[in-house]
Amino acid sequence: MKARFRRMYRGLSIALVAAVVLAAVPPPVAACSRVLYVAKTIWRTVSDSTSRVVLFDSALSPATFWVRLDDLDLKPGAPAKKLELVGGKSYSGNAADKFVEAKPFDFESLGGHFEEPKK
């Protein structure tokens, strides 16, 4: 019985955090050129580190989906994957099985702007 209530309250707490995020982010309108560092909101995300779930809510379409991290292959040497979001693709529910193989992107060099951590 306790486990059922714990799951119920965990789901409720995720929904409440998502509601706060929804209320706190800038609206999905063009960024204001008079205000610095205000960008258009495209995705609102909530992460539940206990359940290892990341929830995504689109500000541009009625799409809400999540990814259970335990459903992804995150081991060293696993192929890089991405979730296609272009071309009007939309997801609902657990989208972990919708990831497709992709070429990993290259990270830019820091160009000597930061010192290497001392060992």
N, C-alpha and C. Protein backbone atom coordinates (compact mmCIF):
# COMPACT_ATOMS: atom_id res chain seq x y z
N MET A 1 0.82 -1.19 0.00
CA MET A 1 0.00 0.00 0.00
C MET A 1 0.87 1.26 0.00
N LYS A 2 1.94 1.25 0.83
CA LYS A 2 2.81 2.42 0.90
C LYS A 2 3.47 2.68 -0.45
N ALA A 3 3.88 1.63 -1.14
CA ALA A 3 4.54 1.79 -2.45
C ALA A 3 3.59 2.45 -3.44
N ARG A 4 2.31 2.08 -3.40
CA ARG A 4 1.34 2.68 -4.32
C ARG A 4 1.19 4.17 -4.05
N PHE A 5 1.12 4.55 -2.79
CA PHE A 5 1.01 5.96 -2.44
C PHE A 5 2.28 6.72 -2.84
N ARG A 6 3.45 6.08 -2.65
CA ARG A 6 4.71 6.73 -3.04
C ARG A 6 4.72 7.01 -4.54
N ARG A 7 4.29 6.04 -5.34
CA ARG A 7 4.23 6.24 -6.80
C ARG A 7 3.24 7.34 -7.16
N MET A 8 2.09 7.35 -6.47
CA MET A 8 1.07 8.36 -6.74
C MET A 8 1.60 9.75 -6.42
N TYR A 9 2.24 9.90 -5.25
CA TYR A 9 2.76 11.22 -4.88
C TYR A 9 3.93 11.63 -5.76
N ARG A 10 4.74 10.68 -6.22
CA ARG A 10 5.83 11.02 -7.12
C ARG A 10 5.25 11.57 -8.42
N GLY A 11 4.23 10.93 -8.96
CA GLY A 11 3.59 11.43 -10.18
C GLY A 11 2.97 12.79 -9.96
N LEU A 12 2.35 12.99 -8.81
CA LEU A 12 1.74 14.29 -8.49
C LEU A 12 2.82 15.36 -8.36
N SER A 13 3.94 15.02 -7.73
CA SER A 13 5.00 16.02 -7.56
C SER A 13 5.60 16.40 -8.91
N ILE A 14 5.74 15.45 -9.83
CA ILE A 14 6.23 15.78 -11.18
C ILE A 14 5.25 16.72 -11.86
N ALA A 15 3.97 16.46 -11.74
CA ALA A 15 2.96 17.33 -12.35
C ALA A 15 3.00 18.73 -11.75
N LEU A 16 3.19 18.83 -10.45
CA LEU A 16 3.25 20.14 -9.81
C LEU A 16 4.49 20.93 -10.25
N VAL A 17 5.63 20.25 -10.33
CA VAL A 17 6.84 20.92 -10.80
C VAL A 17 6.66 21.37 -12.25
N ALA A 18 6.07 20.52 -13.08
CA ALA A 18 5.81 20.90 -14.48
C ALA A 18 4.90 22.12 -14.55
N ALA A 19 3.92 22.22 -13.66
CA ALA A 19 3.02 23.38 -13.65
C ALA A 19 3.78 24.65 -13.28
N VAL A 20 4.71 24.55 -12.32
CA VAL A 20 5.52 25.71 -11.94
C VAL A 20 6.41 26.14 -13.10
N VAL A 21 7.03 25.17 -13.77
CA VAL A 21 7.87 25.49 -14.93
C VAL A 21 7.04 26.17 -16.00
N LEU A 22 5.86 25.66 -16.26
CA LEU A 22 4.96 26.24 -17.26
C LEU A 22 4.65 27.70 -16.94
N ALA A 23 4.45 28.00 -15.66
CA ALA A 23 4.10 29.36 -15.26
C ALA A 23 5.32 30.29 -15.24
N ALA A 24 6.51 29.73 -15.08
CA ALA A 24 7.69 30.56 -14.86
C ALA A 24 8.48 30.90 -16.12
N VAL A 25 8.36 30.11 -17.18
CA VAL A 25 9.18 30.35 -18.37
C VAL A 25 8.60 31.47 -19.22
N PRO A 26 9.44 32.13 -20.01
CA PRO A 26 8.93 33.16 -20.92
C PRO A 26 7.96 32.54 -21.92
N PRO A 27 6.98 33.29 -22.36
CA PRO A 27 6.00 32.74 -23.32
C PRO A 27 6.65 32.46 -24.66
N PRO A 28 6.04 31.57 -25.47
CA PRO A 28 6.61 31.22 -26.77
C PRO A 28 6.37 32.29 -27.83
N VAL A 29 6.90 33.46 -27.61
CA VAL A 29 6.81 34.55 -28.57
C VAL A 29 8.22 34.92 -28.98
N ALA A 30 8.34 35.72 -29.99
CA ALA A 30 9.67 36.14 -30.43
C ALA A 30 10.40 36.85 -29.30
N ALA A 31 11.69 36.62 -29.23
CA ALA A 31 12.50 37.25 -28.18
C ALA A 31 12.46 38.77 -28.33
N CYS A 32 12.43 39.44 -27.22
CA CYS A 32 12.37 40.90 -27.21
C CYS A 32 13.77 41.46 -27.44
N SER A 33 13.92 42.30 -28.44
CA SER A 33 15.25 42.83 -28.76
C SER A 33 15.71 43.87 -27.75
N ARG A 34 14.81 44.42 -26.95
CA ARG A 34 15.20 45.43 -25.96
C ARG A 34 15.67 44.82 -24.65
N VAL A 35 15.39 43.54 -24.45
CA VAL A 35 15.78 42.88 -23.21
C VAL A 35 16.82 41.83 -23.54
N LEU A 36 17.98 41.95 -22.91
CA LEU A 36 19.04 40.99 -23.16
C LEU A 36 18.73 39.63 -22.54
N TYR A 37 19.20 38.61 -23.16
CA TYR A 37 19.14 37.24 -22.65
C TYR A 37 17.74 36.70 -22.45
N VAL A 38 16.78 37.18 -23.20
CA VAL A 38 15.44 36.61 -23.17
C VAL A 38 15.27 35.86 -24.48
N ALA A 39 15.13 34.57 -24.40
CA ALA A 39 15.00 33.75 -25.59
C ALA A 39 13.62 33.12 -25.64
N LYS A 40 13.25 32.74 -26.82
CA LYS A 40 11.98 32.09 -27.05
C LYS A 40 12.00 30.71 -26.38
N THR A 41 10.96 30.38 -25.66
CA THR A 41 10.84 29.07 -25.03
C THR A 41 10.29 28.09 -26.04
N ILE A 42 11.02 27.00 -26.26
CA ILE A 42 10.55 25.96 -27.18
C ILE A 42 10.18 24.70 -26.42
N TRP A 43 11.02 24.30 -25.46
CA TRP A 43 10.78 23.11 -24.66
C TRP A 43 10.85 23.44 -23.19
N ARG A 44 9.92 22.88 -22.45
CA ARG A 44 9.96 22.93 -20.99
C ARG A 44 10.30 21.51 -20.54
N THR A 45 11.24 21.37 -19.63
CA THR A 45 11.64 20.03 -19.20
C THR A 45 11.60 19.92 -17.69
N VAL A 46 11.28 18.74 -17.24
CA VAL A 46 11.29 18.40 -15.82
C VAL A 46 12.00 17.07 -15.70
N SER A 47 12.94 16.99 -14.78
CA SER A 47 13.71 15.76 -14.59
C SER A 47 13.43 15.19 -13.21
N ASP A 48 13.08 13.91 -13.16
CA ASP A 48 12.87 13.20 -11.91
C ASP A 48 14.07 12.26 -11.74
N SER A 49 15.05 12.67 -10.94
CA SER A 49 16.27 11.88 -10.80
C SER A 49 16.04 10.60 -10.00
N THR A 50 15.01 10.55 -9.19
CA THR A 50 14.72 9.33 -8.44
C THR A 50 14.21 8.23 -9.37
N SER A 51 13.28 8.58 -10.24
CA SER A 51 12.71 7.61 -11.17
C SER A 51 13.49 7.54 -12.48
N ARG A 52 14.47 8.44 -12.66
CA ARG A 52 15.28 8.50 -13.88
C ARG A 52 14.40 8.70 -15.13
N VAL A 53 13.55 9.72 -15.03
CA VAL A 53 12.64 10.07 -16.12
C VAL A 53 12.80 11.56 -16.42
N VAL A 54 12.84 11.92 -17.70
CA VAL A 54 12.88 13.32 -18.11
C VAL A 54 11.62 13.57 -18.93
N LEU A 55 10.86 14.58 -18.52
CA LEU A 55 9.59 14.94 -19.16
C LEU A 55 9.83 16.16 -20.03
N PHE A 56 9.32 16.12 -21.26
CA PHE A 56 9.45 17.23 -22.19
C PHE A 56 8.05 17.71 -22.58
N ASP A 57 7.87 19.03 -22.55
CA ASP A 57 6.60 19.63 -22.93
C ASP A 57 6.90 20.70 -23.97
N SER A 58 6.29 20.59 -25.15
CA SER A 58 6.52 21.56 -26.22
C SER A 58 5.69 22.81 -25.99
N ALA A 59 6.33 23.96 -26.16
CA ALA A 59 5.61 25.23 -26.04
C ALA A 59 4.96 25.61 -27.37
N LEU A 60 5.30 24.90 -28.44
CA LEU A 60 4.82 25.26 -29.76
C LEU A 60 3.73 24.35 -30.30
N SER A 61 3.55 23.18 -29.69
CA SER A 61 2.51 22.26 -30.12
C SER A 61 2.02 21.48 -28.90
N PRO A 62 0.85 20.88 -28.99
CA PRO A 62 0.34 20.13 -27.83
C PRO A 62 1.01 18.77 -27.72
N ALA A 63 2.30 18.76 -27.40
CA ALA A 63 3.05 17.50 -27.31
C ALA A 63 3.76 17.43 -25.97
N THR A 64 3.48 16.38 -25.24
CA THR A 64 4.19 16.10 -24.01
C THR A 64 4.62 14.65 -24.06
N PHE A 65 5.90 14.42 -23.82
CA PHE A 65 6.40 13.05 -23.80
C PHE A 65 7.51 12.95 -22.78
N TRP A 66 7.92 11.75 -22.50
CA TRP A 66 8.99 11.54 -21.53
C TRP A 66 9.93 10.48 -22.05
N VAL A 67 11.10 10.43 -21.41
CA VAL A 67 12.10 9.42 -21.73
C VAL A 67 12.56 8.81 -20.42
N ARG A 68 12.39 7.50 -20.31
CA ARG A 68 12.91 6.77 -19.16
C ARG A 68 14.38 6.47 -19.46
N LEU A 69 15.27 7.02 -18.66
CA LEU A 69 16.70 6.86 -18.91
C LEU A 69 17.12 5.40 -18.84
N ASP A 70 16.43 4.59 -18.05
CA ASP A 70 16.76 3.17 -17.96
C ASP A 70 16.43 2.43 -19.25
N ASP A 71 15.61 3.02 -20.12
CA ASP A 71 15.27 2.40 -21.40
C ASP A 71 16.28 2.74 -22.50
N LEU A 72 17.26 3.60 -22.19
CA LEU A 72 18.28 3.98 -23.17
C LEU A 72 19.58 3.22 -22.89
N ASP A 73 20.34 2.96 -23.94
CA ASP A 73 21.64 2.31 -23.78
C ASP A 73 22.68 3.41 -23.60
N LEU A 74 23.08 3.67 -22.37
CA LEU A 74 24.01 4.74 -22.05
C LEU A 74 25.40 4.22 -21.67
N LYS A 75 25.65 2.94 -21.99
CA LYS A 75 26.95 2.34 -21.66
C LYS A 75 28.04 2.90 -22.56
N PRO A 76 29.30 2.92 -22.08
CA PRO A 76 30.40 3.35 -22.95
C PRO A 76 30.46 2.48 -24.22
N GLY A 77 30.65 3.14 -25.34
CA GLY A 77 30.71 2.42 -26.62
C GLY A 77 29.36 2.23 -27.30
N ALA A 78 28.27 2.57 -26.63
CA ALA A 78 26.95 2.45 -27.26
C ALA A 78 26.85 3.47 -28.39
N PRO A 79 26.08 3.15 -29.43
CA PRO A 79 25.97 4.11 -30.54
C PRO A 79 25.26 5.40 -30.10
N ALA A 80 25.70 6.52 -30.69
CA ALA A 80 25.03 7.80 -30.44
C ALA A 80 23.65 7.76 -31.08
N LYS A 81 22.69 8.33 -30.41
CA LYS A 81 21.32 8.37 -30.95
C LYS A 81 20.73 9.75 -30.73
N LYS A 82 19.69 10.05 -31.48
CA LYS A 82 18.99 11.33 -31.33
C LYS A 82 17.50 11.10 -31.53
N LEU A 83 16.73 12.04 -31.09
CA LEU A 83 15.28 12.01 -31.28
C LEU A 83 14.96 13.05 -32.35
N GLU A 84 14.45 12.60 -33.48
CA GLU A 84 14.12 13.51 -34.58
C GLU A 84 12.97 14.42 -34.17
N LEU A 85 13.20 15.73 -34.27
CA LEU A 85 12.17 16.69 -33.89
C LEU A 85 11.80 17.62 -35.05
N VAL A 86 12.45 17.46 -36.20
CA VAL A 86 12.16 18.32 -37.35
C VAL A 86 11.09 17.68 -38.22
N GLY A 87 10.50 18.48 -39.07
CA GLY A 87 9.50 17.97 -40.00
C GLY A 87 8.16 17.67 -39.38
N GLY A 88 7.85 18.33 -38.28
CA GLY A 88 6.53 18.16 -37.68
C GLY A 88 6.36 16.89 -36.87
N LYS A 89 7.45 16.21 -36.54
CA LYS A 89 7.33 14.98 -35.75
C LYS A 89 6.88 15.32 -34.34
N SER A 90 6.01 14.49 -33.83
CA SER A 90 5.46 14.70 -32.51
C SER A 90 5.43 13.37 -31.77
N TYR A 91 5.60 13.40 -30.48
CA TYR A 91 5.64 12.18 -29.67
C TYR A 91 4.71 12.31 -28.49
N SER A 92 4.31 11.16 -27.96
CA SER A 92 3.56 11.13 -26.71
C SER A 92 3.94 9.86 -25.98
N GLY A 93 3.83 9.91 -24.67
CA GLY A 93 4.23 8.75 -23.89
C GLY A 93 5.74 8.61 -23.81
N ASN A 94 6.20 7.40 -23.53
CA ASN A 94 7.64 7.14 -23.42
C ASN A 94 8.23 7.08 -24.82
N ALA A 95 9.13 8.00 -25.14
CA ALA A 95 9.72 8.09 -26.48
C ALA A 95 11.10 7.45 -26.58
N ALA A 96 11.49 6.66 -25.59
CA ALA A 96 12.83 6.06 -25.59
C ALA A 96 13.06 5.18 -26.81
N ASP A 97 12.04 4.51 -27.29
CA ASP A 97 12.21 3.62 -28.44
C ASP A 97 12.16 4.36 -29.78
N LYS A 98 11.97 5.67 -29.75
CA LYS A 98 11.89 6.47 -30.99
C LYS A 98 13.24 7.08 -31.38
N PHE A 99 14.27 6.91 -30.54
CA PHE A 99 15.59 7.44 -30.86
C PHE A 99 16.18 6.66 -32.03
N VAL A 100 16.89 7.37 -32.92
CA VAL A 100 17.53 6.76 -34.08
C VAL A 100 19.03 7.02 -34.02
N GLU A 101 19.82 6.13 -34.63
CA GLU A 101 21.27 6.32 -34.62
C GLU A 101 21.64 7.61 -35.33
N ALA A 102 22.68 8.26 -34.83
CA ALA A 102 23.11 9.55 -35.36
C ALA A 102 24.61 9.68 -35.22
N LYS A 103 25.17 10.56 -36.03
CA LYS A 103 26.60 10.86 -35.93
C LYS A 103 26.80 11.77 -34.73
N PRO A 104 27.74 11.42 -33.85
CA PRO A 104 28.01 12.31 -32.71
C PRO A 104 28.54 13.65 -33.20
N PHE A 105 28.18 14.73 -32.54
CA PHE A 105 28.68 16.03 -32.95
C PHE A 105 30.03 16.28 -32.29
N ASP A 106 30.81 17.13 -32.96
CA ASP A 106 32.14 17.47 -32.45
C ASP A 106 32.03 18.66 -31.50
N PHE A 107 32.73 18.59 -30.40
CA PHE A 107 32.77 19.70 -29.46
C PHE A 107 33.84 20.67 -29.92
N GLU A 108 33.57 21.94 -29.80
CA GLU A 108 34.55 22.97 -30.12
C GLU A 108 35.61 23.02 -29.03
N SER A 109 36.79 23.40 -29.43
CA SER A 109 37.88 23.58 -28.49
C SER A 109 37.59 24.79 -27.61
N LEU A 110 38.06 24.73 -26.38
CA LEU A 110 37.90 25.88 -25.49
C LEU A 110 38.88 26.98 -25.84
N GLY A 111 39.81 26.70 -26.74
CA GLY A 111 40.72 27.72 -27.25
C GLY A 111 41.62 28.32 -26.20
N GLY A 112 41.99 27.57 -25.18
CA GLY A 112 42.89 28.09 -24.17
C GLY A 112 42.25 29.07 -23.21
N HIS A 113 40.93 29.21 -23.24
CA HIS A 113 40.27 30.16 -22.35
C HIS A 113 40.17 29.64 -20.91
N PHE A 114 40.30 28.34 -20.76
CA PHE A 114 40.19 27.75 -19.43
C PHE A 114 41.40 26.89 -19.17
N GLU A 115 41.82 26.87 -17.94
CA GLU A 115 42.95 26.04 -17.57
C GLU A 115 42.49 24.61 -17.37
N GLU A 116 43.36 23.67 -17.67
CA GLU A 116 43.06 22.27 -17.44
C GLU A 116 43.07 22.03 -15.93
N PRO A 117 42.13 21.24 -15.43
CA PRO A 117 42.10 20.98 -13.98
C PRO A 117 43.39 20.32 -13.53
N LYS A 118 43.85 20.70 -12.36
CA LYS A 118 45.07 20.12 -11.80
C LYS A 118 44.77 18.76 -11.22
N LYS A 119 45.69 17.83 -11.44
CA LYS A 119 45.45 16.46 -10.96
C LYS A 119 46.13 16.21 -9.64
